[in-house]
mmCIF file of all heavy atoms, coordinates in Angstrom:
data_MODEL
# 
_entry.id   MODEL 
# 
loop_
_atom_site.group_PDB 
_atom_site.id 
_atom_site.type_symbol 
_atom_site.label_atom_id 
_atom_site.label_alt_id 
_atom_site.label_comp_id 
_atom_site.label_asym_id 
_atom_site.label_entity_id 
_atom_site.label_seq_id 
_atom_site.pdbx_PDB_ins_code 
_atom_site.Cartn_x 
_atom_site.Cartn_y 
_atom_site.Cartn_z 
_atom_site.occupancy 
_atom_site.B_iso_or_equiv 
_atom_site.pdbx_formal_charge 
_atom_site.auth_seq_id 
_atom_site.auth_comp_id 
_atom_site.auth_asym_id 
_atom_site.auth_atom_id 
_atom_site.pdbx_PDB_model_num 
ATOM 1   N N   . GLY A 1 1  ? 13.276  7.892   -14.381 1.00 0.00 ? 1  GLY A N   1 
ATOM 2   C CA  . GLY A 1 1  ? 13.859  8.570   -15.537 1.00 0.00 ? 1  GLY A CA  1 
ATOM 3   C C   . GLY A 1 1  ? 13.893  7.688   -16.764 1.00 0.00 ? 1  GLY A C   1 
ATOM 4   O O   . GLY A 1 1  ? 14.668  7.936   -17.691 1.00 0.00 ? 1  GLY A O   1 
ATOM 5   N N   . GLY A 1 2  ? 13.060  6.651   -16.766 1.00 0.00 ? 2  GLY A N   1 
ATOM 6   C CA  . GLY A 1 2  ? 12.999  5.753   -17.915 1.00 0.00 ? 2  GLY A CA  1 
ATOM 7   C C   . GLY A 1 2  ? 14.059  4.681   -17.909 1.00 0.00 ? 2  GLY A C   1 
ATOM 8   O O   . GLY A 1 2  ? 14.194  3.940   -18.889 1.00 0.00 ? 2  GLY A O   1 
ATOM 9   N N   . TYR A 1 3  ? 14.803  4.531   -16.819 1.00 0.00 ? 3  TYR A N   1 
ATOM 10  C CA  . TYR A 1 3  ? 15.895  3.565   -16.795 1.00 0.00 ? 3  TYR A CA  1 
ATOM 11  C C   . TYR A 1 3  ? 15.436  2.142   -16.511 1.00 0.00 ? 3  TYR A C   1 
ATOM 12  O O   . TYR A 1 3  ? 16.020  1.187   -17.009 1.00 0.00 ? 3  TYR A O   1 
ATOM 13  C CB  . TYR A 1 3  ? 16.927  3.981   -15.750 1.00 0.00 ? 3  TYR A CB  1 
ATOM 14  C CG  . TYR A 1 3  ? 18.062  4.804   -16.333 1.00 0.00 ? 3  TYR A CG  1 
ATOM 15  C CD1 . TYR A 1 3  ? 17.802  5.994   -17.008 1.00 0.00 ? 3  TYR A CD1 1 
ATOM 16  C CD2 . TYR A 1 3  ? 19.385  4.390   -16.219 1.00 0.00 ? 3  TYR A CD2 1 
ATOM 17  C CE1 . TYR A 1 3  ? 18.831  6.754   -17.539 1.00 0.00 ? 3  TYR A CE1 1 
ATOM 18  C CE2 . TYR A 1 3  ? 20.423  5.136   -16.746 1.00 0.00 ? 3  TYR A CE2 1 
ATOM 19  C CZ  . TYR A 1 3  ? 20.139  6.321   -17.424 1.00 0.00 ? 3  TYR A CZ  1 
ATOM 20  O OH  . TYR A 1 3  ? 21.155  7.061   -17.954 1.00 0.00 ? 3  TYR A OH  1 
ATOM 21  N N   . MET A 1 4  ? 14.430  1.982   -15.657 1.00 0.00 ? 4  MET A N   1 
ATOM 22  C CA  . MET A 1 4  ? 13.996  0.648   -15.253 1.00 0.00 ? 4  MET A CA  1 
ATOM 23  C C   . MET A 1 4  ? 12.498  0.643   -15.032 1.00 0.00 ? 4  MET A C   1 
ATOM 24  O O   . MET A 1 4  ? 11.894  1.683   -14.742 1.00 0.00 ? 4  MET A O   1 
ATOM 25  C CB  . MET A 1 4  ? 14.691  0.213   -13.957 1.00 0.00 ? 4  MET A CB  1 
ATOM 26  C CG  . MET A 1 4  ? 16.190  0.130   -14.045 1.00 0.00 ? 4  MET A CG  1 
ATOM 27  S SD  . MET A 1 4  ? 16.932  -0.474  -12.509 1.00 0.00 ? 4  MET A SD  1 
ATOM 28  C CE  . MET A 1 4  ? 16.399  -2.179  -12.543 1.00 0.00 ? 4  MET A CE  1 
ATOM 29  N N   . SER A 1 5  ? 11.914  -0.543  -15.142 1.00 0.00 ? 5  SER A N   1 
ATOM 30  C CA  . SER A 1 5  ? 10.507  -0.698  -14.806 1.00 0.00 ? 5  SER A CA  1 
ATOM 31  C C   . SER A 1 5  ? 10.353  -0.634  -13.290 1.00 0.00 ? 5  SER A C   1 
ATOM 32  O O   . SER A 1 5  ? 10.949  -1.423  -12.562 1.00 0.00 ? 5  SER A O   1 
ATOM 33  C CB  . SER A 1 5  ? 9.990   -2.041  -15.330 1.00 0.00 ? 5  SER A CB  1 
ATOM 34  O OG  . SER A 1 5  ? 8.654   -2.236  -14.955 1.00 0.00 ? 5  SER A OG  1 
ATOM 35  N N   . PHE A 1 6  ? 9.550   0.327   -12.834 1.00 0.00 ? 6  PHE A N   1 
ATOM 36  C CA  . PHE A 1 6  ? 9.383   0.529   -11.399 1.00 0.00 ? 6  PHE A CA  1 
ATOM 37  C C   . PHE A 1 6  ? 8.184   1.441   -11.202 1.00 0.00 ? 6  PHE A C   1 
ATOM 38  O O   . PHE A 1 6  ? 7.856   2.248   -12.075 1.00 0.00 ? 6  PHE A O   1 
ATOM 39  C CB  . PHE A 1 6  ? 10.639  1.176   -10.798 1.00 0.00 ? 6  PHE A CB  1 
ATOM 40  C CG  . PHE A 1 6  ? 10.624  1.281   -9.298  1.00 0.00 ? 6  PHE A CG  1 
ATOM 41  C CD1 . PHE A 1 6  ? 10.731  0.146   -8.507  1.00 0.00 ? 6  PHE A CD1 1 
ATOM 42  C CD2 . PHE A 1 6  ? 10.524  2.516   -8.668  1.00 0.00 ? 6  PHE A CD2 1 
ATOM 43  C CE1 . PHE A 1 6  ? 10.746  0.240   -7.118  1.00 0.00 ? 6  PHE A CE1 1 
ATOM 44  C CE2 . PHE A 1 6  ? 10.535  2.622   -7.291  1.00 0.00 ? 6  PHE A CE2 1 
ATOM 45  C CZ  . PHE A 1 6  ? 10.644  1.477   -6.505  1.00 0.00 ? 6  PHE A CZ  1 
ATOM 46  N N   . ALA A 1 7  ? 7.507   1.322   -10.086 1.00 0.00 ? 7  ALA A N   1 
ATOM 47  C CA  . ALA A 1 7  ? 6.330   2.144   -9.813  1.00 0.00 ? 7  ALA A CA  1 
ATOM 48  C C   . ALA A 1 7  ? 6.095   2.187   -8.316  1.00 0.00 ? 7  ALA A C   1 
ATOM 49  O O   . ALA A 1 7  ? 6.773   1.500   -7.538  1.00 0.00 ? 7  ALA A O   1 
ATOM 50  C CB  . ALA A 1 7  ? 5.105   1.585   -10.539 1.00 0.00 ? 7  ALA A CB  1 
ATOM 51  N N   . ALA A 1 8  ? 5.125   3.001   -7.930  1.00 0.00 ? 8  ALA A N   1 
ATOM 52  C CA  . ALA A 1 8  ? 4.770   3.095   -6.517  1.00 0.00 ? 8  ALA A CA  1 
ATOM 53  C C   . ALA A 1 8  ? 3.295   3.433   -6.392  1.00 0.00 ? 8  ALA A C   1 
ATOM 54  O O   . ALA A 1 8  ? 2.759   4.202   -7.188  1.00 0.00 ? 8  ALA A O   1 
ATOM 55  C CB  . ALA A 1 8  ? 5.616   4.152   -5.814  1.00 0.00 ? 8  ALA A CB  1 
ATOM 56  N N   . THR A 1 9  ? 2.656   2.836   -5.392  1.00 0.00 ? 9  THR A N   1 
ATOM 57  C CA  . THR A 1 9  ? 1.282   3.177   -5.033  1.00 0.00 ? 9  THR A CA  1 
ATOM 58  C C   . THR A 1 9  ? 1.327   3.758   -3.632  1.00 0.00 ? 9  THR A C   1 
ATOM 59  O O   . THR A 1 9  ? 1.787   3.103   -2.695  1.00 0.00 ? 9  THR A O   1 
ATOM 60  C CB  . THR A 1 9  ? 0.371   1.937   -5.062  1.00 0.00 ? 9  THR A CB  1 
ATOM 61  O OG1 . THR A 1 9  ? 0.408   1.368   -6.372  1.00 0.00 ? 9  THR A OG1 1 
ATOM 62  C CG2 . THR A 1 9  ? -1.059  2.310   -4.724  1.00 0.00 ? 9  THR A CG2 1 
ATOM 63  N N   . LEU A 1 10 ? 0.874   5.002   -3.501  1.00 0.00 ? 10 LEU A N   1 
ATOM 64  C CA  . LEU A 1 10 ? 0.900   5.680   -2.213  1.00 0.00 ? 10 LEU A CA  1 
ATOM 65  C C   . LEU A 1 10 ? -0.514  5.824   -1.670  1.00 0.00 ? 10 LEU A C   1 
ATOM 66  O O   . LEU A 1 10 ? -1.458  6.044   -2.437  1.00 0.00 ? 10 LEU A O   1 
ATOM 67  C CB  . LEU A 1 10 ? 1.533   7.065   -2.337  1.00 0.00 ? 10 LEU A CB  1 
ATOM 68  C CG  . LEU A 1 10 ? 3.047   7.061   -2.638  1.00 0.00 ? 10 LEU A CG  1 
ATOM 69  C CD1 . LEU A 1 10 ? 3.300   7.083   -4.128  1.00 0.00 ? 10 LEU A CD1 1 
ATOM 70  C CD2 . LEU A 1 10 ? 3.727   8.244   -1.974  1.00 0.00 ? 10 LEU A CD2 1 
ATOM 71  N N   . ALA A 1 11 ? -0.654  5.693   -0.364  1.00 0.00 ? 11 ALA A N   1 
ATOM 72  C CA  . ALA A 1 11 ? -1.967  5.773   0.272   1.00 0.00 ? 11 ALA A CA  1 
ATOM 73  C C   . ALA A 1 11 ? -1.888  6.650   1.523   1.00 0.00 ? 11 ALA A C   1 
ATOM 74  O O   . ALA A 1 11 ? -0.806  6.890   2.069   1.00 0.00 ? 11 ALA A O   1 
ATOM 75  C CB  . ALA A 1 11 ? -2.462  4.376   0.646   1.00 0.00 ? 11 ALA A CB  1 
ATOM 76  N N   . THR A 1 12 ? -3.048  7.091   1.962   1.00 0.00 ? 12 THR A N   1 
ATOM 77  C CA  . THR A 1 12 ? -3.113  7.864   3.197   1.00 0.00 ? 12 THR A CA  1 
ATOM 78  C C   . THR A 1 12 ? -2.908  6.939   4.402   1.00 0.00 ? 12 THR A C   1 
ATOM 79  O O   . THR A 1 12 ? -3.050  5.720   4.309   1.00 0.00 ? 12 THR A O   1 
ATOM 80  C CB  . THR A 1 12 ? -4.470  8.555   3.342   1.00 0.00 ? 12 THR A CB  1 
ATOM 81  O OG1 . THR A 1 12 ? -5.496  7.557   3.434   1.00 0.00 ? 12 THR A OG1 1 
ATOM 82  C CG2 . THR A 1 12 ? -4.750  9.473   2.166   1.00 0.00 ? 12 THR A CG2 1 
ATOM 83  N N   . GLU A 1 13 ? -2.607  7.559   5.521   1.00 0.00 ? 13 GLU A N   1 
ATOM 84  C CA  . GLU A 1 13 ? -2.460  6.797   6.762   1.00 0.00 ? 13 GLU A CA  1 
ATOM 85  C C   . GLU A 1 13 ? -3.755  6.060   7.087   1.00 0.00 ? 13 GLU A C   1 
ATOM 86  O O   . GLU A 1 13 ? -3.734  4.912   7.546   1.00 0.00 ? 13 GLU A O   1 
ATOM 87  C CB  . GLU A 1 13 ? -2.087  7.751   7.901   1.00 0.00 ? 13 GLU A CB  1 
ATOM 88  C CG  . GLU A 1 13 ? -1.822  7.070   9.229   1.00 0.00 ? 13 GLU A CG  1 
ATOM 89  C CD  . GLU A 1 13 ? -0.462  6.386   9.285   1.00 0.00 ? 13 GLU A CD  1 
ATOM 90  O OE1 . GLU A 1 13 ? 0.361   6.577   8.356   1.00 0.00 ? 13 GLU A OE1 1 
ATOM 91  O OE2 . GLU A 1 13 ? -0.216  5.648   10.266  1.00 0.00 ? 13 GLU A OE2 1 
ATOM 92  N N   . GLU A 1 14 ? -4.886  6.705   6.853   1.00 0.00 ? 14 GLU A N   1 
ATOM 93  C CA  . GLU A 1 14 ? -6.166  6.071   7.157   1.00 0.00 ? 14 GLU A CA  1 
ATOM 94  C C   . GLU A 1 14 ? -6.367  4.799   6.341   1.00 0.00 ? 14 GLU A C   1 
ATOM 95  O O   . GLU A 1 14 ? -6.783  3.761   6.877   1.00 0.00 ? 14 GLU A O   1 
ATOM 96  C CB  . GLU A 1 14 ? -7.335  7.026   6.875   1.00 0.00 ? 14 GLU A CB  1 
ATOM 97  C CG  . GLU A 1 14 ? -8.676  6.398   7.201   1.00 0.00 ? 14 GLU A CG  1 
ATOM 98  C CD  . GLU A 1 14 ? -9.859  7.151   6.610   1.00 0.00 ? 14 GLU A CD  1 
ATOM 99  O OE1 . GLU A 1 14 ? -9.657  8.136   5.886   1.00 0.00 ? 14 GLU A OE1 1 
ATOM 100 O OE2 . GLU A 1 14 ? -10.997 6.707   6.872   1.00 0.00 ? 14 GLU A OE2 1 
ATOM 101 N N   . VAL A 1 15 ? -6.087  4.867   5.036   1.00 0.00 ? 15 VAL A N   1 
ATOM 102 C CA  . VAL A 1 15 ? -6.248  3.678   4.200   1.00 0.00 ? 15 VAL A CA  1 
ATOM 103 C C   . VAL A 1 15 ? -5.384  2.540   4.740   1.00 0.00 ? 15 VAL A C   1 
ATOM 104 O O   . VAL A 1 15 ? -5.838  1.396   4.872   1.00 0.00 ? 15 VAL A O   1 
ATOM 105 C CB  . VAL A 1 15 ? -5.898  3.998   2.732   1.00 0.00 ? 15 VAL A CB  1 
ATOM 106 C CG1 . VAL A 1 15 ? -5.791  2.711   1.915   1.00 0.00 ? 15 VAL A CG1 1 
ATOM 107 C CG2 . VAL A 1 15 ? -6.949  4.919   2.120   1.00 0.00 ? 15 VAL A CG2 1 
ATOM 108 N N   . GLY A 1 16 ? -4.137  2.849   5.053   1.00 0.00 ? 16 GLY A N   1 
ATOM 109 C CA  . GLY A 1 16 ? -3.243  1.811   5.551   1.00 0.00 ? 16 GLY A CA  1 
ATOM 110 C C   . GLY A 1 16 ? -3.690  1.214   6.870   1.00 0.00 ? 16 GLY A C   1 
ATOM 111 O O   . GLY A 1 16 ? -3.645  -0.007  7.062   1.00 0.00 ? 16 GLY A O   1 
ATOM 112 N N   . ARG A 1 17 ? -4.139  2.055   7.781   1.00 0.00 ? 17 ARG A N   1 
ATOM 113 C CA  . ARG A 1 17 ? -4.524  1.562   9.109   1.00 0.00 ? 17 ARG A CA  1 
ATOM 114 C C   . ARG A 1 17 ? -5.839  0.789   9.068   1.00 0.00 ? 17 ARG A C   1 
ATOM 115 O O   . ARG A 1 17 ? -5.994  -0.208  9.777   1.00 0.00 ? 17 ARG A O   1 
ATOM 116 C CB  . ARG A 1 17 ? -4.596  2.726   10.096  1.00 0.00 ? 17 ARG A CB  1 
ATOM 117 C CG  . ARG A 1 17 ? -3.226  3.294   10.406  1.00 0.00 ? 17 ARG A CG  1 
ATOM 118 C CD  . ARG A 1 17 ? -3.193  4.077   11.703  1.00 0.00 ? 17 ARG A CD  1 
ATOM 119 N NE  . ARG A 1 17 ? -1.818  4.508   11.995  1.00 0.00 ? 17 ARG A NE  1 
ATOM 120 C CZ  . ARG A 1 17 ? -0.909  3.762   12.607  1.00 0.00 ? 17 ARG A CZ  1 
ATOM 121 N NH1 . ARG A 1 17 ? -1.233  2.530   13.000  1.00 0.00 ? 17 ARG A NH1 1 
ATOM 122 N NH2 . ARG A 1 17 ? 0.310   4.217   12.832  1.00 0.00 ? 17 ARG A NH2 1 
ATOM 123 N N   . VAL A 1 18 ? -6.777  1.238   8.258   1.00 0.00 ? 18 VAL A N   1 
ATOM 124 C CA  . VAL A 1 18 ? -8.031  0.489   8.147   1.00 0.00 ? 18 VAL A CA  1 
ATOM 125 C C   . VAL A 1 18 ? -7.779  -0.894  7.575   1.00 0.00 ? 18 VAL A C   1 
ATOM 126 O O   . VAL A 1 18 ? -8.286  -1.909  8.090   1.00 0.00 ? 18 VAL A O   1 
ATOM 127 C CB  . VAL A 1 18 ? -9.055  1.268   7.285   1.00 0.00 ? 18 VAL A CB  1 
ATOM 128 C CG1 . VAL A 1 18 ? -10.232 0.370   6.912   1.00 0.00 ? 18 VAL A CG1 1 
ATOM 129 C CG2 . VAL A 1 18 ? -9.555  2.496   8.024   1.00 0.00 ? 18 VAL A CG2 1 
ATOM 130 N N   . ILE A 1 19 ? -6.990  -0.983  6.511   1.00 0.00 ? 19 ILE A N   1 
ATOM 131 C CA  . ILE A 1 19 ? -6.670  -2.284  5.911   1.00 0.00 ? 19 ILE A CA  1 
ATOM 132 C C   . ILE A 1 19 ? -6.010  -3.197  6.936   1.00 0.00 ? 19 ILE A C   1 
ATOM 133 O O   . ILE A 1 19 ? -6.289  -4.410  6.996   1.00 0.00 ? 19 ILE A O   1 
ATOM 134 C CB  . ILE A 1 19 ? -5.765  -2.092  4.674   1.00 0.00 ? 19 ILE A CB  1 
ATOM 135 C CG1 . ILE A 1 19 ? -6.579  -1.506  3.513   1.00 0.00 ? 19 ILE A CG1 1 
ATOM 136 C CG2 . ILE A 1 19 ? -5.110  -3.418  4.264   1.00 0.00 ? 19 ILE A CG2 1 
ATOM 137 C CD1 . ILE A 1 19 ? -5.756  -1.150  2.293   1.00 0.00 ? 19 ILE A CD1 1 
ATOM 138 N N   . SER A 1 20 ? -5.167  -2.631  7.778   1.00 0.00 ? 20 SER A N   1 
ATOM 139 C CA  . SER A 1 20 ? -4.415  -3.430  8.748   1.00 0.00 ? 20 SER A CA  1 
ATOM 140 C C   . SER A 1 20 ? -5.208  -3.766  10.003  1.00 0.00 ? 20 SER A C   1 
ATOM 141 O O   . SER A 1 20 ? -4.746  -4.557  10.835  1.00 0.00 ? 20 SER A O   1 
ATOM 142 C CB  . SER A 1 20 ? -3.138  -2.676  9.150   1.00 0.00 ? 20 SER A CB  1 
ATOM 143 O OG  . SER A 1 20 ? -2.338  -2.402  8.013   1.00 0.00 ? 20 SER A OG  1 
ATOM 144 N N   . SER A 1 21 ? -6.397  -3.184  10.135  1.00 0.00 ? 21 SER A N   1 
ATOM 145 C CA  . SER A 1 21 ? -7.157  -3.337  11.382  1.00 0.00 ? 21 SER A CA  1 
ATOM 146 C C   . SER A 1 21 ? -8.084  -4.543  11.402  1.00 0.00 ? 21 SER A C   1 
ATOM 147 O O   . SER A 1 21 ? -8.626  -4.888  12.447  1.00 0.00 ? 21 SER A O   1 
ATOM 148 C CB  . SER A 1 21 ? -7.981  -2.071  11.628  1.00 0.00 ? 21 SER A CB  1 
ATOM 149 O OG  . SER A 1 21 ? -9.021  -1.958  10.652  1.00 0.00 ? 21 SER A OG  1 
ATOM 150 N N   . ALA A 1 22 ? -8.306  -5.156  10.247  1.00 0.00 ? 22 ALA A N   1 
ATOM 151 C CA  . ALA A 1 22 ? -9.262  -6.272  10.177  1.00 0.00 ? 22 ALA A CA  1 
ATOM 152 C C   . ALA A 1 22 ? -8.627  -7.447  9.445   1.00 0.00 ? 22 ALA A C   1 
ATOM 153 O O   . ALA A 1 22 ? -7.653  -7.285  8.707   1.00 0.00 ? 22 ALA A O   1 
ATOM 154 C CB  . ALA A 1 22 ? -10.544 -5.824  9.466   1.00 0.00 ? 22 ALA A CB  1 
ATOM 155 N N   . ALA A 1 23 ? -9.206  -8.619  9.626   1.00 0.00 ? 23 ALA A N   1 
ATOM 156 C CA  . ALA A 1 23 ? -8.674  -9.824  8.980   1.00 0.00 ? 23 ALA A CA  1 
ATOM 157 C C   . ALA A 1 23 ? -8.593  -9.614  7.470   1.00 0.00 ? 23 ALA A C   1 
ATOM 158 O O   . ALA A 1 23 ? -9.480  -9.009  6.879   1.00 0.00 ? 23 ALA A O   1 
ATOM 159 C CB  . ALA A 1 23 ? -9.587  -11.010 9.298   1.00 0.00 ? 23 ALA A CB  1 
ATOM 160 N N   . PRO A 1 24 ? -7.518  -10.062 6.846   1.00 0.00 ? 24 PRO A N   1 
ATOM 161 C CA  . PRO A 1 24 ? -6.416  -10.863 7.402   1.00 0.00 ? 24 PRO A CA  1 
ATOM 162 C C   . PRO A 1 24 ? -5.357  -10.050 8.133   1.00 0.00 ? 24 PRO A C   1 
ATOM 163 O O   . PRO A 1 24 ? -4.340  -10.607 8.547   1.00 0.00 ? 24 PRO A O   1 
ATOM 164 C CB  . PRO A 1 24 ? -5.826  -11.513 6.148   1.00 0.00 ? 24 PRO A CB  1 
ATOM 165 C CG  . PRO A 1 24 ? -6.062  -10.518 5.064   1.00 0.00 ? 24 PRO A CG  1 
ATOM 166 C CD  . PRO A 1 24 ? -7.385  -9.883  5.366   1.00 0.00 ? 24 PRO A CD  1 
ATOM 167 N N   . GLY A 1 25 ? -5.541  -8.734  8.268   1.00 0.00 ? 25 GLY A N   1 
ATOM 168 C CA  . GLY A 1 25 ? -4.612  -7.923  9.040   1.00 0.00 ? 25 GLY A CA  1 
ATOM 169 C C   . GLY A 1 25 ? -3.393  -7.449  8.291   1.00 0.00 ? 25 GLY A C   1 
ATOM 170 O O   . GLY A 1 25 ? -2.556  -6.721  8.840   1.00 0.00 ? 25 GLY A O   1 
ATOM 171 N N   . VAL A 1 26 ? -3.273  -7.878  7.048   1.00 0.00 ? 26 VAL A N   1 
ATOM 172 C CA  . VAL A 1 26 ? -2.148  -7.454  6.203   1.00 0.00 ? 26 VAL A CA  1 
ATOM 173 C C   . VAL A 1 26 ? -2.700  -7.135  4.830   1.00 0.00 ? 26 VAL A C   1 
ATOM 174 O O   . VAL A 1 26 ? -3.775  -7.599  4.446   1.00 0.00 ? 26 VAL A O   1 
ATOM 175 C CB  . VAL A 1 26 ? -1.074  -8.560  6.083   1.00 0.00 ? 26 VAL A CB  1 
ATOM 176 C CG1 . VAL A 1 26 ? -0.461  -8.859  7.444   1.00 0.00 ? 26 VAL A CG1 1 
ATOM 177 C CG2 . VAL A 1 26 ? -1.657  -9.835  5.467   1.00 0.00 ? 26 VAL A CG2 1 
ATOM 178 N N   . PHE A 1 27 ? -1.953  -6.332  4.066   1.00 0.00 ? 27 PHE A N   1 
ATOM 179 C CA  . PHE A 1 27 ? -2.341  -6.069  2.683   1.00 0.00 ? 27 PHE A CA  1 
ATOM 180 C C   . PHE A 1 27 ? -1.846  -7.218  1.819   1.00 0.00 ? 27 PHE A C   1 
ATOM 181 O O   . PHE A 1 27 ? -0.667  -7.565  1.834   1.00 0.00 ? 27 PHE A O   1 
ATOM 182 C CB  . PHE A 1 27 ? -1.765  -4.741  2.196   1.00 0.00 ? 27 PHE A CB  1 
ATOM 183 C CG  . PHE A 1 27 ? -2.089  -4.456  0.751   1.00 0.00 ? 27 PHE A CG  1 
ATOM 184 C CD1 . PHE A 1 27 ? -3.402  -4.487  0.302   1.00 0.00 ? 27 PHE A CD1 1 
ATOM 185 C CD2 . PHE A 1 27 ? -1.079  -4.174  -0.162  1.00 0.00 ? 27 PHE A CD2 1 
ATOM 186 C CE1 . PHE A 1 27 ? -3.710  -4.241  -1.023  1.00 0.00 ? 27 PHE A CE1 1 
ATOM 187 C CE2 . PHE A 1 27 ? -1.371  -3.922  -1.482  1.00 0.00 ? 27 PHE A CE2 1 
ATOM 188 C CZ  . PHE A 1 27 ? -2.688  -3.957  -1.918  1.00 0.00 ? 27 PHE A CZ  1 
ATOM 189 N N   . MET A 1 28 ? -2.760  -7.803  1.054   1.00 0.00 ? 28 MET A N   1 
ATOM 190 C CA  . MET A 1 28 ? -2.471  -9.053  0.358   1.00 0.00 ? 28 MET A CA  1 
ATOM 191 C C   . MET A 1 28 ? -1.861  -8.833  -1.023  1.00 0.00 ? 28 MET A C   1 
ATOM 192 O O   . MET A 1 28 ? -2.486  -9.020  -2.061  1.00 0.00 ? 28 MET A O   1 
ATOM 193 C CB  . MET A 1 28 ? -3.759  -9.874  0.245   1.00 0.00 ? 28 MET A CB  1 
ATOM 194 C CG  . MET A 1 28 ? -4.359  -10.250 1.600   1.00 0.00 ? 28 MET A CG  1 
ATOM 195 S SD  . MET A 1 28 ? -3.219  -11.256 2.597   1.00 0.00 ? 28 MET A SD  1 
ATOM 196 C CE  . MET A 1 28 ? -3.198  -12.768 1.639   1.00 0.00 ? 28 MET A CE  1 
# 
């Protein structure tokens, strides 16, 4: 509502699981 600097990036389950499936195994 314009009160604070804040944001969000949302992804599908597939995007999250693929990123987590290979080295380094975490989102950097």
